[in-house]
Amino acid sequence: MGVTAIILIIVLVVVVVFAVVTYNGLVRRKNDTEEAYRQIDVQLKRRYDLIPNLLEGVKKYFRQEQEVLTQVTQARSRAMQPQGVGEQAQSEARLSGAIGNLFAVAESYPELRSDRVLVDFQEELSSTENKISFARQHYNDSVGSYNTKIQSFPAVIFARAMGFTEKEYFEAQGPERESVTVSYD
């Protein structure tokens, strides 16, 4: 066996080892993003489960406000349907808007504002929204790490050939992106 053959074998072994290590790293990062998305999903399901209790609690006060209840119900139904990351973020923004509208209408009912059901729900929803926010941040961090890895040299050489494609961020839509204005009048 000549020197050239030995060099070729060494180069081939190095390339194969590099490909295996790169593939395993990409799989690990891909799995991390999928697990992070499942954590968002868990928190979203928790929020979906809270909504029927809220609607039941405010229904007796909202005799003239059936449209508001219908909007929340429809937004919840749309958000619960399987969809891609971007569409899910838009559906969640619509649901958040509908819930925000419900709370805005509830402000005009003094007896409802003091109802324990609504107060408890607002606290539980706030806690859940914080958990969703943390889960979304973790997912987006995982997506950023994964996307950077598949776009970086030398992994970019193997990533596309091995079927790794960029992941979509779970970005806040609509009112969640707007800055909050506080006035001290």
N, C-alpha and C. Protein backbone atom coordinates (compact mmCIF):
# COMPACT_ATOMS: atom_id res chain seq x y z
N MET A 1 0.85 -1.16 0.00
CA MET A 1 0.00 0.00 0.00
C MET A 1 0.90 1.23 0.00
N GLY A 2 0.61 2.11 -0.93
CA GLY A 2 1.45 3.29 -1.07
C GLY A 2 1.03 4.42 -0.15
N VAL A 3 1.88 5.43 -0.11
CA VAL A 3 1.64 6.61 0.70
C VAL A 3 0.36 7.32 0.26
N THR A 4 0.12 7.37 -1.03
CA THR A 4 -1.08 8.03 -1.56
C THR A 4 -2.33 7.32 -1.08
N ALA A 5 -2.32 6.01 -1.09
CA ALA A 5 -3.48 5.24 -0.64
C ALA A 5 -3.73 5.48 0.85
N ILE A 6 -2.68 5.52 1.63
CA ILE A 6 -2.82 5.76 3.08
C ILE A 6 -3.39 7.16 3.32
N ILE A 7 -2.90 8.13 2.58
CA ILE A 7 -3.40 9.51 2.73
C ILE A 7 -4.88 9.57 2.34
N LEU A 8 -5.25 8.91 1.26
CA LEU A 8 -6.66 8.89 0.84
C LEU A 8 -7.55 8.23 1.89
N ILE A 9 -7.09 7.14 2.46
CA ILE A 9 -7.86 6.46 3.50
C ILE A 9 -8.01 7.36 4.72
N ILE A 10 -6.95 8.03 5.12
CA ILE A 10 -7.00 8.95 6.27
C ILE A 10 -7.98 10.09 5.98
N VAL A 11 -7.89 10.67 4.79
CA VAL A 11 -8.80 11.76 4.42
C VAL A 11 -10.24 11.27 4.42
N LEU A 12 -10.48 10.09 3.86
CA LEU A 12 -11.82 9.52 3.82
C LEU A 12 -12.35 9.27 5.23
N VAL A 13 -11.52 8.72 6.11
CA VAL A 13 -11.93 8.48 7.50
C VAL A 13 -12.25 9.80 8.19
N VAL A 14 -11.43 10.81 7.98
CA VAL A 14 -11.67 12.13 8.59
C VAL A 14 -13.01 12.70 8.09
N VAL A 15 -13.27 12.61 6.80
CA VAL A 15 -14.52 13.12 6.24
C VAL A 15 -15.72 12.36 6.81
N VAL A 16 -15.62 11.05 6.88
CA VAL A 16 -16.72 10.24 7.43
C VAL A 16 -16.95 10.57 8.90
N VAL A 17 -15.89 10.66 9.68
CA VAL A 17 -16.02 11.00 11.10
C VAL A 17 -16.64 12.39 11.24
N PHE A 18 -16.16 13.34 10.44
CA PHE A 18 -16.72 14.68 10.48
C PHE A 18 -18.21 14.66 10.12
N ALA A 19 -18.59 13.93 9.10
CA ALA A 19 -19.99 13.84 8.68
C ALA A 19 -20.85 13.25 9.79
N VAL A 20 -20.37 12.21 10.45
CA VAL A 20 -21.13 11.58 11.53
C VAL A 20 -21.28 12.54 12.70
N VAL A 21 -20.20 13.19 13.09
CA VAL A 21 -20.25 14.14 14.21
C VAL A 21 -21.18 15.30 13.87
N THR A 22 -21.09 15.82 12.66
CA THR A 22 -21.95 16.91 12.22
C THR A 22 -23.41 16.47 12.23
N TYR A 23 -23.68 15.31 11.68
CA TYR A 23 -25.05 14.79 11.63
C TYR A 23 -25.62 14.65 13.04
N ASN A 24 -24.86 14.06 13.94
CA ASN A 24 -25.33 13.88 15.31
C ASN A 24 -25.59 15.22 16.00
N GLY A 25 -24.74 16.19 15.77
CA GLY A 25 -24.95 17.52 16.34
C GLY A 25 -26.21 18.18 15.79
N LEU A 26 -26.44 18.03 14.50
CA LEU A 26 -27.65 18.60 13.89
C LEU A 26 -28.91 17.90 14.41
N VAL A 27 -28.85 16.59 14.55
CA VAL A 27 -29.99 15.84 15.08
C VAL A 27 -30.30 16.30 16.51
N ARG A 28 -29.27 16.47 17.31
CA ARG A 28 -29.45 16.92 18.70
C ARG A 28 -30.12 18.30 18.73
N ARG A 29 -29.64 19.21 17.91
CA ARG A 29 -30.23 20.56 17.89
C ARG A 29 -31.65 20.53 17.35
N LYS A 30 -31.89 19.72 16.33
CA LYS A 30 -33.25 19.60 15.78
C LYS A 30 -34.20 19.05 16.85
N ASN A 31 -33.76 18.03 17.56
CA ASN A 31 -34.59 17.46 18.63
C ASN A 31 -34.83 18.47 19.74
N ASP A 32 -33.83 19.29 20.05
CA ASP A 32 -34.00 20.35 21.05
C ASP A 32 -35.10 21.33 20.64
N THR A 33 -35.11 21.70 19.35
CA THR A 33 -36.15 22.64 18.89
C THR A 33 -37.53 22.00 18.95
N GLU A 34 -37.61 20.73 18.61
CA GLU A 34 -38.91 20.05 18.66
C GLU A 34 -39.40 19.91 20.09
N GLU A 35 -38.51 19.61 21.01
CA GLU A 35 -38.89 19.52 22.43
C GLU A 35 -39.32 20.89 22.95
N ALA A 36 -38.62 21.93 22.56
CA ALA A 36 -38.98 23.28 22.99
C ALA A 36 -40.36 23.66 22.45
N TYR A 37 -40.67 23.27 21.22
CA TYR A 37 -42.00 23.56 20.67
C TYR A 37 -43.08 22.79 21.43
N ARG A 38 -42.78 21.56 21.83
CA ARG A 38 -43.75 20.80 22.63
C ARG A 38 -44.04 21.50 23.95
N GLN A 39 -43.04 22.18 24.52
CA GLN A 39 -43.27 22.92 25.76
C GLN A 39 -44.21 24.10 25.53
N ILE A 40 -44.08 24.76 24.38
CA ILE A 40 -45.04 25.82 24.04
C ILE A 40 -46.43 25.21 23.94
N ASP A 41 -46.52 24.08 23.26
CA ASP A 41 -47.80 23.41 23.05
C ASP A 41 -48.46 23.04 24.37
N VAL A 42 -47.69 22.57 25.33
CA VAL A 42 -48.24 22.22 26.65
C VAL A 42 -48.87 23.45 27.30
N GLN A 43 -48.17 24.57 27.25
CA GLN A 43 -48.69 25.79 27.87
C GLN A 43 -49.90 26.33 27.11
N LEU A 44 -49.89 26.21 25.79
CA LEU A 44 -51.05 26.67 25.01
C LEU A 44 -52.27 25.82 25.34
N LYS A 45 -52.09 24.53 25.47
CA LYS A 45 -53.21 23.65 25.84
C LYS A 45 -53.74 24.02 27.22
N ARG A 46 -52.84 24.38 28.10
CA ARG A 46 -53.26 24.81 29.44
C ARG A 46 -54.15 26.04 29.34
N ARG A 47 -53.75 26.99 28.48
CA ARG A 47 -54.56 28.19 28.29
C ARG A 47 -55.90 27.84 27.66
N TYR A 48 -55.89 26.94 26.67
CA TYR A 48 -57.14 26.53 26.04
C TYR A 48 -58.10 25.92 27.06
N ASP A 49 -57.56 25.17 28.00
CA ASP A 49 -58.39 24.53 29.02
C ASP A 49 -58.97 25.54 30.01
N LEU A 50 -58.32 26.67 30.19
CA LEU A 50 -58.84 27.70 31.09
C LEU A 50 -60.03 28.45 30.49
N ILE A 51 -60.05 28.60 29.19
CA ILE A 51 -61.03 29.47 28.53
C ILE A 51 -62.47 29.03 28.76
N PRO A 52 -62.83 27.74 28.63
CA PRO A 52 -64.24 27.37 28.88
C PRO A 52 -64.71 27.76 30.28
N ASN A 53 -63.84 27.64 31.27
CA ASN A 53 -64.21 28.05 32.63
C ASN A 53 -64.45 29.55 32.71
N LEU A 54 -63.63 30.31 32.03
CA LEU A 54 -63.83 31.76 31.98
C LEU A 54 -65.17 32.08 31.34
N LEU A 55 -65.43 31.50 30.19
CA LEU A 55 -66.68 31.79 29.48
C LEU A 55 -67.89 31.41 30.31
N GLU A 56 -67.81 30.29 30.98
CA GLU A 56 -68.92 29.86 31.84
C GLU A 56 -69.12 30.85 32.99
N GLY A 57 -68.03 31.35 33.53
CA GLY A 57 -68.11 32.28 34.65
C GLY A 57 -68.67 33.64 34.29
N VAL A 58 -68.42 34.11 33.08
CA VAL A 58 -68.88 35.46 32.69
C VAL A 58 -70.18 35.43 31.91
N LYS A 59 -70.61 34.26 31.49
CA LYS A 59 -71.80 34.15 30.63
C LYS A 59 -73.02 34.82 31.25
N LYS A 60 -73.23 34.65 32.54
CA LYS A 60 -74.43 35.21 33.18
C LYS A 60 -74.42 36.74 33.17
N TYR A 61 -73.24 37.35 33.11
CA TYR A 61 -73.14 38.81 33.08
C TYR A 61 -73.22 39.36 31.66
N PHE A 62 -72.85 38.56 30.69
CA PHE A 62 -72.72 39.02 29.31
C PHE A 62 -73.96 38.69 28.47
N ARG A 63 -75.13 39.00 28.96
CA ARG A 63 -76.35 38.68 28.21
C ARG A 63 -76.41 39.45 26.89
N GLN A 64 -75.95 40.70 26.89
CA GLN A 64 -75.96 41.50 25.66
C GLN A 64 -74.63 41.43 24.92
N GLU A 65 -73.70 40.69 25.42
CA GLU A 65 -72.35 40.67 24.84
C GLU A 65 -72.01 39.30 24.26
N GLN A 66 -72.98 38.64 23.67
CA GLN A 66 -72.76 37.30 23.12
C GLN A 66 -71.68 37.28 22.04
N GLU A 67 -71.57 38.37 21.29
CA GLU A 67 -70.57 38.44 20.21
C GLU A 67 -69.15 38.30 20.77
N VAL A 68 -68.91 38.91 21.93
CA VAL A 68 -67.58 38.83 22.55
C VAL A 68 -67.27 37.38 22.93
N LEU A 69 -68.25 36.69 23.50
CA LEU A 69 -68.06 35.29 23.88
C LEU A 69 -67.83 34.42 22.64
N THR A 70 -68.58 34.72 21.58
CA THR A 70 -68.42 33.97 20.33
C THR A 70 -67.04 34.18 19.74
N GLN A 71 -66.53 35.41 19.79
CA GLN A 71 -65.19 35.69 19.26
C GLN A 71 -64.13 34.88 20.00
N VAL A 72 -64.24 34.82 21.31
CA VAL A 72 -63.26 34.06 22.10
C VAL A 72 -63.35 32.58 21.76
N THR A 73 -64.58 32.07 21.68
CA THR A 73 -64.78 30.65 21.36
C THR A 73 -64.22 30.31 19.98
N GLN A 74 -64.51 31.15 18.99
CA GLN A 74 -64.01 30.89 17.63
C GLN A 74 -62.49 31.00 17.57
N ALA A 75 -61.93 32.00 18.23
CA ALA A 75 -60.47 32.16 18.22
C ALA A 75 -59.80 30.96 18.90
N ARG A 76 -60.39 30.47 19.97
CA ARG A 76 -59.86 29.29 20.66
C ARG A 76 -59.90 28.08 19.74
N SER A 77 -61.03 27.89 19.06
CA SER A 77 -61.17 26.74 18.14
C SER A 77 -60.13 26.79 17.03
N ARG A 78 -59.92 27.97 16.45
CA ARG A 78 -58.92 28.11 15.38
C ARG A 78 -57.51 27.83 15.91
N ALA A 79 -57.22 28.34 17.10
CA ALA A 79 -55.87 28.17 17.66
C ALA A 79 -55.58 26.71 18.00
N MET A 80 -56.61 25.95 18.31
CA MET A 80 -56.42 24.55 18.70
C MET A 80 -56.20 23.63 17.50
N GLN A 81 -56.45 24.12 16.28
CA GLN A 81 -56.26 23.30 15.09
C GLN A 81 -54.77 23.18 14.77
N PRO A 82 -54.34 22.00 14.35
CA PRO A 82 -52.92 21.82 13.99
C PRO A 82 -52.52 22.76 12.85
N GLN A 83 -51.37 23.39 12.99
CA GLN A 83 -50.88 24.31 11.98
C GLN A 83 -49.38 24.51 12.15
N GLY A 84 -48.79 25.20 11.20
CA GLY A 84 -47.36 25.49 11.27
C GLY A 84 -47.06 26.53 12.33
N VAL A 85 -45.79 26.73 12.59
CA VAL A 85 -45.36 27.65 13.65
C VAL A 85 -45.87 29.07 13.40
N GLY A 86 -45.70 29.59 12.19
CA GLY A 86 -46.13 30.95 11.89
C GLY A 86 -47.62 31.13 12.02
N GLU A 87 -48.39 30.18 11.49
CA GLU A 87 -49.85 30.24 11.59
C GLU A 87 -50.29 30.12 13.05
N GLN A 88 -49.60 29.27 13.81
CA GLN A 88 -49.93 29.11 15.22
C GLN A 88 -49.72 30.43 15.96
N ALA A 89 -48.64 31.11 15.67
CA ALA A 89 -48.38 32.40 16.32
C ALA A 89 -49.48 33.40 15.98
N GLN A 90 -49.95 33.42 14.74
CA GLN A 90 -51.03 34.33 14.35
C GLN A 90 -52.34 33.97 15.05
N SER A 91 -52.64 32.67 15.13
CA SER A 91 -53.85 32.23 15.81
C SER A 91 -53.81 32.60 17.29
N GLU A 92 -52.65 32.45 17.89
CA GLU A 92 -52.50 32.80 19.31
C GLU A 92 -52.67 34.30 19.52
N ALA A 93 -52.20 35.10 18.58
CA ALA A 93 -52.37 36.55 18.67
C ALA A 93 -53.85 36.91 18.59
N ARG A 94 -54.60 36.23 17.70
CA ARG A 94 -56.03 36.49 17.59
C ARG A 94 -56.74 36.10 18.89
N LEU A 95 -56.35 34.96 19.46
CA LEU A 95 -56.96 34.52 20.71
C LEU A 95 -56.65 35.50 21.83
N SER A 96 -55.42 35.95 21.92
CA SER A 96 -55.05 36.93 22.95
C SER A 96 -55.85 38.21 22.78
N GLY A 97 -56.05 38.64 21.53
CA GLY A 97 -56.85 39.83 21.26
C GLY A 97 -58.29 39.64 21.68
N ALA A 98 -58.87 38.47 21.41
CA ALA A 98 -60.25 38.20 21.79
C ALA A 98 -60.40 38.18 23.31
N ILE A 99 -59.44 37.58 24.00
CA ILE A 99 -59.49 37.55 25.47
C ILE A 99 -59.32 38.96 26.02
N GLY A 100 -58.42 39.73 25.42
CA GLY A 100 -58.24 41.13 25.84
C GLY A 100 -59.52 41.93 25.65
N ASN A 101 -60.21 41.69 24.55
CA ASN A 101 -61.48 42.37 24.29
C ASN A 101 -62.52 41.97 25.34
N LEU A 102 -62.54 40.70 25.71
CA LEU A 102 -63.47 40.24 26.73
C LEU A 102 -63.20 40.95 28.06
N PHE A 103 -61.94 41.08 28.43
CA PHE A 103 -61.60 41.78 29.67
C PHE A 103 -61.96 43.26 29.59
N ALA A 104 -61.80 43.85 28.41
CA ALA A 104 -62.16 45.26 28.24
C ALA A 104 -63.66 45.45 28.44
N VAL A 105 -64.46 44.55 27.87
CA VAL A 105 -65.91 44.62 28.05
C VAL A 105 -66.27 44.37 29.51
N ALA A 106 -65.56 43.45 30.15
CA ALA A 106 -65.83 43.12 31.56
C ALA A 106 -65.63 44.33 32.47
N GLU A 107 -64.78 45.26 32.06
CA GLU A 107 -64.55 46.46 32.87
C GLU A 107 -65.82 47.28 33.05
N SER A 108 -66.77 47.16 32.13
CA SER A 108 -68.01 47.94 32.24
C SER A 108 -69.04 47.26 33.13
N TYR A 109 -68.70 46.14 33.71
CA TYR A 109 -69.59 45.41 34.62
C TYR A 109 -68.95 45.37 36.00
N PRO A 110 -69.28 46.33 36.88
CA PRO A 110 -68.64 46.37 38.20
C PRO A 110 -68.81 45.08 39.00
N GLU A 111 -69.98 44.46 38.91
CA GLU A 111 -70.20 43.23 39.67
C GLU A 111 -69.32 42.08 39.15
N LEU A 112 -69.00 42.12 37.87
CA LEU A 112 -68.13 41.09 37.29
C LEU A 112 -66.68 41.30 37.71
N ARG A 113 -66.26 42.55 37.77
CA ARG A 113 -64.87 42.83 38.17
C ARG A 113 -64.56 42.30 39.56
N SER A 114 -65.57 42.25 40.41
CA SER A 114 -65.35 41.76 41.77
C SER A 114 -65.64 40.26 41.91
N ASP A 115 -66.10 39.64 40.84
CA ASP A 115 -66.40 38.21 40.87
C ASP A 115 -65.10 37.41 41.00
N ARG A 116 -65.08 36.51 41.95
CA ARG A 116 -63.87 35.72 42.24
C ARG A 116 -63.44 34.87 41.05
N VAL A 117 -64.42 34.39 40.27
CA VAL A 117 -64.11 33.56 39.11
C VAL A 117 -63.22 34.32 38.13
N LEU A 118 -63.60 35.56 37.85
CA LEU A 118 -62.83 36.36 36.89
C LEU A 118 -61.46 36.72 37.46
N VAL A 119 -61.42 37.10 38.72
CA VAL A 119 -60.15 37.46 39.35
C VAL A 119 -59.19 36.26 39.35
N ASP A 120 -59.71 35.09 39.73
CA ASP A 120 -58.88 33.88 39.73
C ASP A 120 -58.41 33.53 38.32
N PHE A 121 -59.33 33.69 37.37
CA PHE A 121 -58.96 33.38 35.98
C PHE A 121 -57.87 34.32 35.50
N GLN A 122 -58.00 35.61 35.80
CA GLN A 122 -56.98 36.57 35.36
C GLN A 122 -55.61 36.22 35.93
N GLU A 123 -55.57 35.81 37.19
CA GLU A 123 -54.31 35.42 37.80
C GLU A 123 -53.74 34.17 37.14
N GLU A 124 -54.59 33.19 36.91
CA GLU A 124 -54.15 31.94 36.28
C GLU A 124 -53.71 32.19 34.84
N LEU A 125 -54.46 33.03 34.14
CA LEU A 125 -54.10 33.35 32.75
C LEU A 125 -52.77 34.10 32.70
N SER A 126 -52.57 35.01 33.63
CA SER A 126 -51.31 35.76 33.67
C SER A 126 -50.13 34.81 33.89
N SER A 127 -50.30 33.88 34.80
CA SER A 127 -49.26 32.89 35.06
C SER A 127 -49.00 32.04 33.81
N THR A 128 -50.06 31.62 33.16
CA THR A 128 -49.92 30.80 31.95
C THR A 128 -49.27 31.59 30.83
N GLU A 129 -49.65 32.86 30.67
CA GLU A 129 -49.05 33.70 29.62
C GLU A 129 -47.55 33.85 29.86
N ASN A 130 -47.15 33.98 31.12
CA ASN A 130 -45.71 34.06 31.43
C ASN A 130 -45.00 32.76 31.04
N LYS A 131 -45.63 31.64 31.32
CA LYS A 131 -45.04 30.35 30.97
C LYS A 131 -44.95 30.19 29.45
N ILE A 132 -45.97 30.66 28.74
CA ILE A 132 -45.95 30.62 27.27
C ILE A 132 -44.79 31.48 26.77
N SER A 133 -44.63 32.64 27.36
CA SER A 133 -43.56 33.55 26.94
C SER A 133 -42.19 32.92 27.15
N PHE A 134 -41.98 32.30 28.30
CA PHE A 134 -40.70 31.63 28.56
C PHE A 134 -40.48 30.46 27.61
N ALA A 135 -41.54 29.68 27.37
CA ALA A 135 -41.42 28.55 26.45
C ALA A 135 -41.13 29.03 25.04
N ARG A 136 -41.76 30.12 24.64
CA ARG A 136 -41.52 30.68 23.30
C ARG A 136 -40.07 31.17 23.19
N GLN A 137 -39.58 31.82 24.24
CA GLN A 137 -38.20 32.30 24.23
C GLN A 137 -37.22 31.12 24.13
N HIS A 138 -37.48 30.07 24.89
CA HIS A 138 -36.62 28.88 24.83
C HIS A 138 -36.65 28.26 23.43
N TYR A 139 -37.84 28.17 22.86
CA TYR A 139 -37.97 27.62 21.50
C TYR A 139 -37.18 28.47 20.51
N ASN A 140 -37.38 29.78 20.57
CA ASN A 140 -36.69 30.67 19.63
C ASN A 140 -35.17 30.60 19.81
N ASP A 141 -34.70 30.47 21.05
CA ASP A 141 -33.26 30.29 21.28
C ASP A 141 -32.77 28.99 20.64
N SER A 142 -33.56 27.92 20.79
CA SER A 142 -33.20 26.63 20.19
C SER A 142 -33.19 26.72 18.67
N VAL A 143 -34.18 27.41 18.11
CA VAL A 143 -34.24 27.59 16.66
C VAL A 143 -33.04 28.40 16.18
N GLY A 144 -32.68 29.44 16.91
CA GLY A 144 -31.53 30.25 16.53
C GLY A 144 -30.25 29.44 16.52
N SER A 145 -30.06 28.62 17.53
CA SER A 145 -28.87 27.77 17.61
C SER A 145 -28.85 26.76 16.45
N TYR A 146 -29.99 26.14 16.22
CA TYR A 146 -30.10 25.15 15.13
C TYR A 146 -29.86 25.79 13.77
N ASN A 147 -30.55 26.92 13.51
CA ASN A 147 -30.39 27.59 12.21
C ASN A 147 -28.95 28.06 11.99
N THR A 148 -28.33 28.58 13.04
CA THR A 148 -26.93 29.02 12.93
C THR A 148 -26.04 27.84 12.58
N LYS A 149 -26.28 26.72 13.22
CA LYS A 149 -25.46 25.52 12.97
C LYS A 149 -25.58 25.06 11.53
N ILE A 150 -26.81 24.99 11.00
CA ILE A 150 -26.95 24.48 9.63
C ILE A 150 -26.51 25.48 8.57
N GLN A 151 -26.35 26.75 8.97
CA GLN A 151 -25.90 27.77 8.03
C GLN A 151 -24.39 28.00 8.10
N SER A 152 -23.75 27.44 9.11
CA SER A 152 -22.33 27.68 9.33
C SER A 152 -21.47 26.67 8.59
N PHE A 153 -20.31 27.16 8.15
CA PHE A 153 -19.34 26.28 7.51
C PHE A 153 -18.63 25.51 8.60
N PRO A 154 -18.38 24.30 8.46
CA PRO A 154 -18.55 23.39 7.33
C PRO A 154 -19.85 22.59 7.37
N ALA A 155 -20.68 22.77 8.43
CA ALA A 155 -21.93 21.99 8.53
C ALA A 155 -22.87 22.26 7.36
N VAL A 156 -22.81 23.47 6.81
CA VAL A 156 -23.68 23.82 5.69
C VAL A 156 -23.47 22.88 4.51
N ILE A 157 -22.28 22.35 4.38
CA ILE A 157 -21.97 21.42 3.28
C ILE A 157 -22.82 20.16 3.39
N PHE A 158 -23.00 19.67 4.61
CA PHE A 158 -23.72 18.42 4.82
C PHE A 158 -25.19 18.61 5.18
N ALA A 159 -25.54 19.73 5.77
CA ALA A 159 -26.89 19.91 6.31
C ALA A 159 -27.98 19.70 5.28
N ARG A 160 -27.91 20.39 4.17
CA ARG A 160 -28.95 20.26 3.14
C ARG A 160 -28.99 18.84 2.58
N ALA A 161 -27.82 18.27 2.34
CA ALA A 161 -27.76 16.92 1.79
C ALA A 161 -28.36 15.89 2.75
N MET A 162 -28.29 16.18 4.05
CA MET A 162 -28.82 15.27 5.06
C MET A 162 -30.27 15.58 5.42
N GLY A 163 -30.88 16.55 4.74
CA GLY A 163 -32.29 16.85 4.95
C GLY A 163 -32.60 17.84 6.06
N PHE A 164 -31.63 18.58 6.52
CA PHE A 164 -31.86 19.57 7.57
C PHE A 164 -32.20 20.91 6.92
N THR A 165 -33.34 21.47 7.29
CA THR A 165 -33.76 22.77 6.76
C THR A 165 -34.00 23.72 7.92
N GLU A 166 -34.03 25.00 7.62
CA GLU A 166 -34.22 26.00 8.66
C GLU A 166 -35.58 25.85 9.33
N LYS A 167 -35.62 26.18 10.61
CA LYS A 167 -36.86 26.17 11.39
C LYS A 167 -37.38 27.60 11.47
N GLU A 168 -38.68 27.71 11.64
CA GLU A 168 -39.33 29.01 11.73
C GLU A 168 -39.44 29.44 13.19
N TYR A 169 -39.20 30.72 13.44
CA TYR A 169 -39.34 31.26 14.79
C TYR A 169 -40.81 31.38 15.15
N PHE A 170 -41.10 31.30 16.45
CA PHE A 170 -42.46 31.53 16.96
C PHE A 170 -42.47 32.98 17.42
N GLU A 171 -42.87 33.85 16.52
CA GLU A 171 -42.79 35.28 16.80
C GLU A 171 -44.13 35.84 17.24
N ALA A 172 -44.06 36.76 18.18
CA ALA A 172 -45.27 37.43 18.65
C ALA A 172 -45.87 38.22 17.51
N GLN A 173 -47.18 38.22 17.44
CA GLN A 173 -47.91 38.92 16.39
C GLN A 173 -48.81 39.97 17.03
N GLY A 174 -49.15 40.98 16.28
CA GLY A 174 -50.17 41.95 16.67
C GLY A 174 -49.86 42.67 17.97
N PRO A 175 -50.86 42.67 18.88
CA PRO A 175 -50.73 43.47 20.10
C PRO A 175 -49.57 43.07 20.99
N GLU A 176 -49.14 41.82 20.91
CA GLU A 176 -48.02 41.38 21.75
C GLU A 176 -46.72 42.10 21.38
N ARG A 177 -46.61 42.55 20.14
CA ARG A 177 -45.39 43.22 19.69
C ARG A 177 -45.41 44.71 19.98
N GLU A 178 -46.58 45.26 20.22
CA GLU A 178 -46.69 46.70 20.42
C GLU A 178 -46.19 47.05 21.82
N SER A 179 -45.55 48.21 21.90
CA SER A 179 -45.07 48.62 23.21
C SER A 179 -46.24 49.13 24.05
N VAL A 180 -46.11 48.94 25.33
CA VAL A 180 -47.15 49.35 26.26
C VAL A 180 -46.94 50.81 26.61
N THR A 181 -48.02 51.58 26.56
CA THR A 181 -47.95 52.99 26.92
C THR A 181 -48.56 53.16 28.31
N VAL A 182 -47.80 53.73 29.20
CA VAL A 182 -48.27 53.97 30.55
C VAL A 182 -48.39 55.47 30.75
N SER A 183 -49.56 55.90 31.24
CA SER A 183 -49.70 57.34 31.49
C SER A 183 -49.94 57.54 32.98
N TYR A 184 -49.38 58.59 33.51
CA TYR A 184 -49.49 58.90 34.93
C TYR A 184 -50.27 60.18 35.13
N ASP A 185 -51.42 60.27 34.47
CA ASP A 185 -52.23 61.50 34.58
C ASP A 185 -52.92 61.60 35.92
